[in-house]
N, C-alpha and C. Protein backbone atom coordinates (compact mmCIF):
# COMPACT_ATOMS: atom_id res chain seq x y z
N UNK A 1 128.11 29.33 59.83
CA UNK A 1 127.06 29.37 58.84
C UNK A 1 125.94 30.30 59.26
N UNK A 2 124.93 30.32 58.46
CA UNK A 2 123.81 31.24 58.67
C UNK A 2 123.05 30.92 59.96
N UNK A 3 123.09 29.68 60.41
CA UNK A 3 122.32 29.30 61.60
C UNK A 3 122.83 29.97 62.87
N UNK A 4 124.10 30.37 62.90
CA UNK A 4 124.63 30.99 64.12
C UNK A 4 124.46 32.51 64.14
N UNK A 5 124.03 33.10 63.05
CA UNK A 5 123.99 34.56 62.98
C UNK A 5 122.85 35.12 63.81
N UNK A 6 123.18 36.12 64.60
CA UNK A 6 122.21 36.77 65.47
C UNK A 6 121.59 37.94 64.71
N UNK A 7 120.29 38.13 64.85
CA UNK A 7 119.63 39.27 64.24
C UNK A 7 119.21 39.05 62.80
N UNK A 8 119.54 37.90 62.25
CA UNK A 8 119.13 37.62 60.88
C UNK A 8 117.73 37.02 60.93
N UNK A 9 116.83 37.63 60.17
CA UNK A 9 115.42 37.25 60.24
C UNK A 9 115.12 36.00 59.41
N UNK A 10 115.55 36.00 58.16
CA UNK A 10 115.19 34.91 57.25
C UNK A 10 116.21 33.78 57.32
N UNK A 11 115.71 32.58 57.49
CA UNK A 11 116.55 31.39 57.45
C UNK A 11 115.90 30.38 56.50
N UNK A 12 116.59 30.04 55.40
CA UNK A 12 116.01 29.06 54.46
C UNK A 12 115.77 27.72 55.14
N UNK A 13 114.65 27.09 54.81
CA UNK A 13 114.29 25.83 55.46
C UNK A 13 114.46 24.61 54.55
N UNK A 14 114.46 24.84 53.24
CA UNK A 14 114.61 23.71 52.32
C UNK A 14 115.85 23.92 51.45
N UNK A 15 116.25 22.86 50.78
CA UNK A 15 117.41 22.95 49.88
C UNK A 15 117.15 23.99 48.79
N UNK A 16 115.94 24.01 48.24
CA UNK A 16 115.61 24.94 47.17
C UNK A 16 115.65 26.38 47.64
N UNK A 17 115.07 26.65 48.82
CA UNK A 17 115.08 28.03 49.29
C UNK A 17 116.49 28.45 49.71
N UNK A 18 117.28 27.52 50.20
CA UNK A 18 118.68 27.85 50.54
C UNK A 18 119.45 28.22 49.27
N UNK A 19 119.25 27.46 48.19
CA UNK A 19 119.93 27.76 46.92
C UNK A 19 119.49 29.12 46.39
N UNK A 20 118.20 29.41 46.44
CA UNK A 20 117.69 30.70 45.99
C UNK A 20 118.24 31.83 46.84
N UNK A 21 118.30 31.61 48.15
CA UNK A 21 118.84 32.61 49.07
C UNK A 21 120.31 32.88 48.75
N UNK A 22 121.07 31.85 48.44
CA UNK A 22 122.49 32.03 48.08
C UNK A 22 122.63 32.85 46.80
N UNK A 23 121.72 32.65 45.84
CA UNK A 23 121.72 33.46 44.62
C UNK A 23 121.44 34.92 44.97
N UNK A 24 120.44 35.15 45.82
CA UNK A 24 120.14 36.51 46.27
C UNK A 24 121.36 37.13 46.94
N UNK A 25 122.03 36.37 47.81
CA UNK A 25 123.23 36.89 48.47
C UNK A 25 124.32 37.22 47.46
N UNK A 26 124.44 36.44 46.40
CA UNK A 26 125.47 36.73 45.40
C UNK A 26 125.16 38.03 44.66
N UNK A 27 123.88 38.30 44.39
CA UNK A 27 123.51 39.58 43.77
C UNK A 27 123.82 40.73 44.72
N UNK A 28 123.50 40.55 45.99
CA UNK A 28 123.75 41.59 46.98
C UNK A 28 125.26 41.81 47.14
N UNK A 29 126.03 40.74 47.14
CA UNK A 29 127.49 40.84 47.21
C UNK A 29 128.02 41.64 46.03
N UNK A 30 127.48 41.39 44.84
CA UNK A 30 127.91 42.13 43.65
C UNK A 30 127.59 43.61 43.79
N UNK A 31 126.45 43.93 44.41
CA UNK A 31 126.03 45.33 44.56
C UNK A 31 126.81 46.04 45.67
N UNK A 32 127.06 45.35 46.78
CA UNK A 32 127.67 46.00 47.94
C UNK A 32 129.18 45.79 48.03
N UNK A 33 129.69 44.86 47.27
CA UNK A 33 131.13 44.58 47.33
C UNK A 33 131.46 43.64 48.47
N UNK A 34 132.73 43.61 48.81
CA UNK A 34 133.23 42.66 49.80
C UNK A 34 132.84 43.11 51.21
N UNK A 35 131.78 42.53 51.73
CA UNK A 35 131.27 42.86 53.06
C UNK A 35 131.19 41.57 53.87
N UNK A 36 131.22 41.68 55.21
CA UNK A 36 131.02 40.47 56.03
C UNK A 36 129.67 39.83 55.72
N UNK A 37 129.60 38.51 55.89
CA UNK A 37 128.37 37.78 55.55
C UNK A 37 127.16 38.28 56.34
N UNK A 38 127.35 38.70 57.61
CA UNK A 38 126.19 39.18 58.36
C UNK A 38 125.63 40.46 57.77
N UNK A 39 126.48 41.30 57.17
CA UNK A 39 126.01 42.51 56.49
C UNK A 39 125.20 42.12 55.26
N UNK A 40 125.71 41.17 54.49
CA UNK A 40 125.00 40.71 53.29
C UNK A 40 123.66 40.08 53.66
N UNK A 41 123.63 39.28 54.72
CA UNK A 41 122.38 38.64 55.16
C UNK A 41 121.39 39.69 55.68
N UNK A 42 121.89 40.70 56.37
CA UNK A 42 121.02 41.78 56.82
C UNK A 42 120.40 42.52 55.64
N UNK A 43 121.21 42.76 54.61
CA UNK A 43 120.69 43.40 53.41
C UNK A 43 119.66 42.50 52.73
N UNK A 44 119.92 41.19 52.73
CA UNK A 44 118.96 40.25 52.14
C UNK A 44 117.64 40.30 52.90
N UNK A 45 117.69 40.41 54.23
CA UNK A 45 116.47 40.54 55.03
C UNK A 45 115.68 41.77 54.60
N UNK A 46 116.39 42.88 54.40
CA UNK A 46 115.73 44.13 53.98
C UNK A 46 115.09 43.96 52.61
N UNK A 47 115.82 43.35 51.68
CA UNK A 47 115.30 43.13 50.33
C UNK A 47 114.07 42.22 50.39
N UNK A 48 114.15 41.14 51.15
CA UNK A 48 113.01 40.22 51.26
C UNK A 48 111.80 40.90 51.88
N UNK A 49 112.02 41.78 52.86
CA UNK A 49 110.90 42.50 53.48
C UNK A 49 110.20 43.38 52.45
N UNK A 50 110.98 44.03 51.59
CA UNK A 50 110.39 44.86 50.53
C UNK A 50 109.62 43.99 49.55
N UNK A 51 110.24 42.88 49.13
CA UNK A 51 109.60 42.02 48.13
C UNK A 51 108.32 41.38 48.66
N UNK A 52 108.25 41.13 49.96
CA UNK A 52 107.07 40.49 50.54
C UNK A 52 105.98 41.50 50.91
N UNK A 53 106.27 42.79 50.80
CA UNK A 53 105.29 43.82 51.15
C UNK A 53 104.22 43.89 50.07
N UNK A 54 103.05 43.33 50.35
CA UNK A 54 101.99 43.28 49.34
C UNK A 54 101.25 44.60 49.19
N UNK A 55 101.62 45.62 49.95
CA UNK A 55 101.01 46.93 49.81
C UNK A 55 101.73 47.78 48.76
N UNK A 56 102.87 47.29 48.28
CA UNK A 56 103.65 48.03 47.29
C UNK A 56 103.43 47.43 45.90
N UNK A 57 103.46 48.31 44.90
CA UNK A 57 103.43 47.83 43.52
C UNK A 57 104.85 47.46 43.11
N UNK A 58 104.96 46.68 42.04
CA UNK A 58 106.28 46.20 41.58
C UNK A 58 107.26 47.34 41.37
N UNK A 59 106.77 48.44 40.78
CA UNK A 59 107.65 49.59 40.52
C UNK A 59 108.20 50.16 41.83
N UNK A 60 107.35 50.24 42.84
CA UNK A 60 107.78 50.74 44.16
C UNK A 60 108.77 49.78 44.79
N UNK A 61 108.51 48.48 44.68
CA UNK A 61 109.43 47.48 45.23
C UNK A 61 110.81 47.62 44.59
N UNK A 62 110.82 47.76 43.28
CA UNK A 62 112.10 47.88 42.58
C UNK A 62 112.86 49.11 43.05
N UNK A 63 112.17 50.23 43.16
CA UNK A 63 112.82 51.47 43.61
C UNK A 63 113.39 51.31 45.02
N UNK A 64 112.61 50.69 45.91
CA UNK A 64 113.07 50.46 47.28
C UNK A 64 114.32 49.58 47.32
N UNK A 65 114.30 48.49 46.56
CA UNK A 65 115.44 47.58 46.53
C UNK A 65 116.66 48.29 45.96
N UNK A 66 116.47 49.08 44.91
CA UNK A 66 117.60 49.82 44.33
C UNK A 66 118.18 50.81 45.33
N UNK A 67 117.32 51.43 46.14
CA UNK A 67 117.82 52.36 47.16
C UNK A 67 118.59 51.63 48.25
N UNK A 68 118.15 50.43 48.60
CA UNK A 68 118.85 49.65 49.61
C UNK A 68 120.25 49.26 49.15
N UNK A 69 120.36 48.95 47.87
CA UNK A 69 121.63 48.44 47.36
C UNK A 69 122.37 49.52 46.60
């Protein structure tokens, strides 16, 4: 599971955040195709870092996420 993965920054702490994280992973899986889970989780970390960057406007965040995926 996600708890054993090395180098993964974000780890959901509640049932709700775990469910939301799984939805995010499913979107990333759809964008990147069949990749190992650690690759998908790494991409999720990158996406979350962009989304949490309060110095970016929404348009910039969207462009960054689209470039990542």
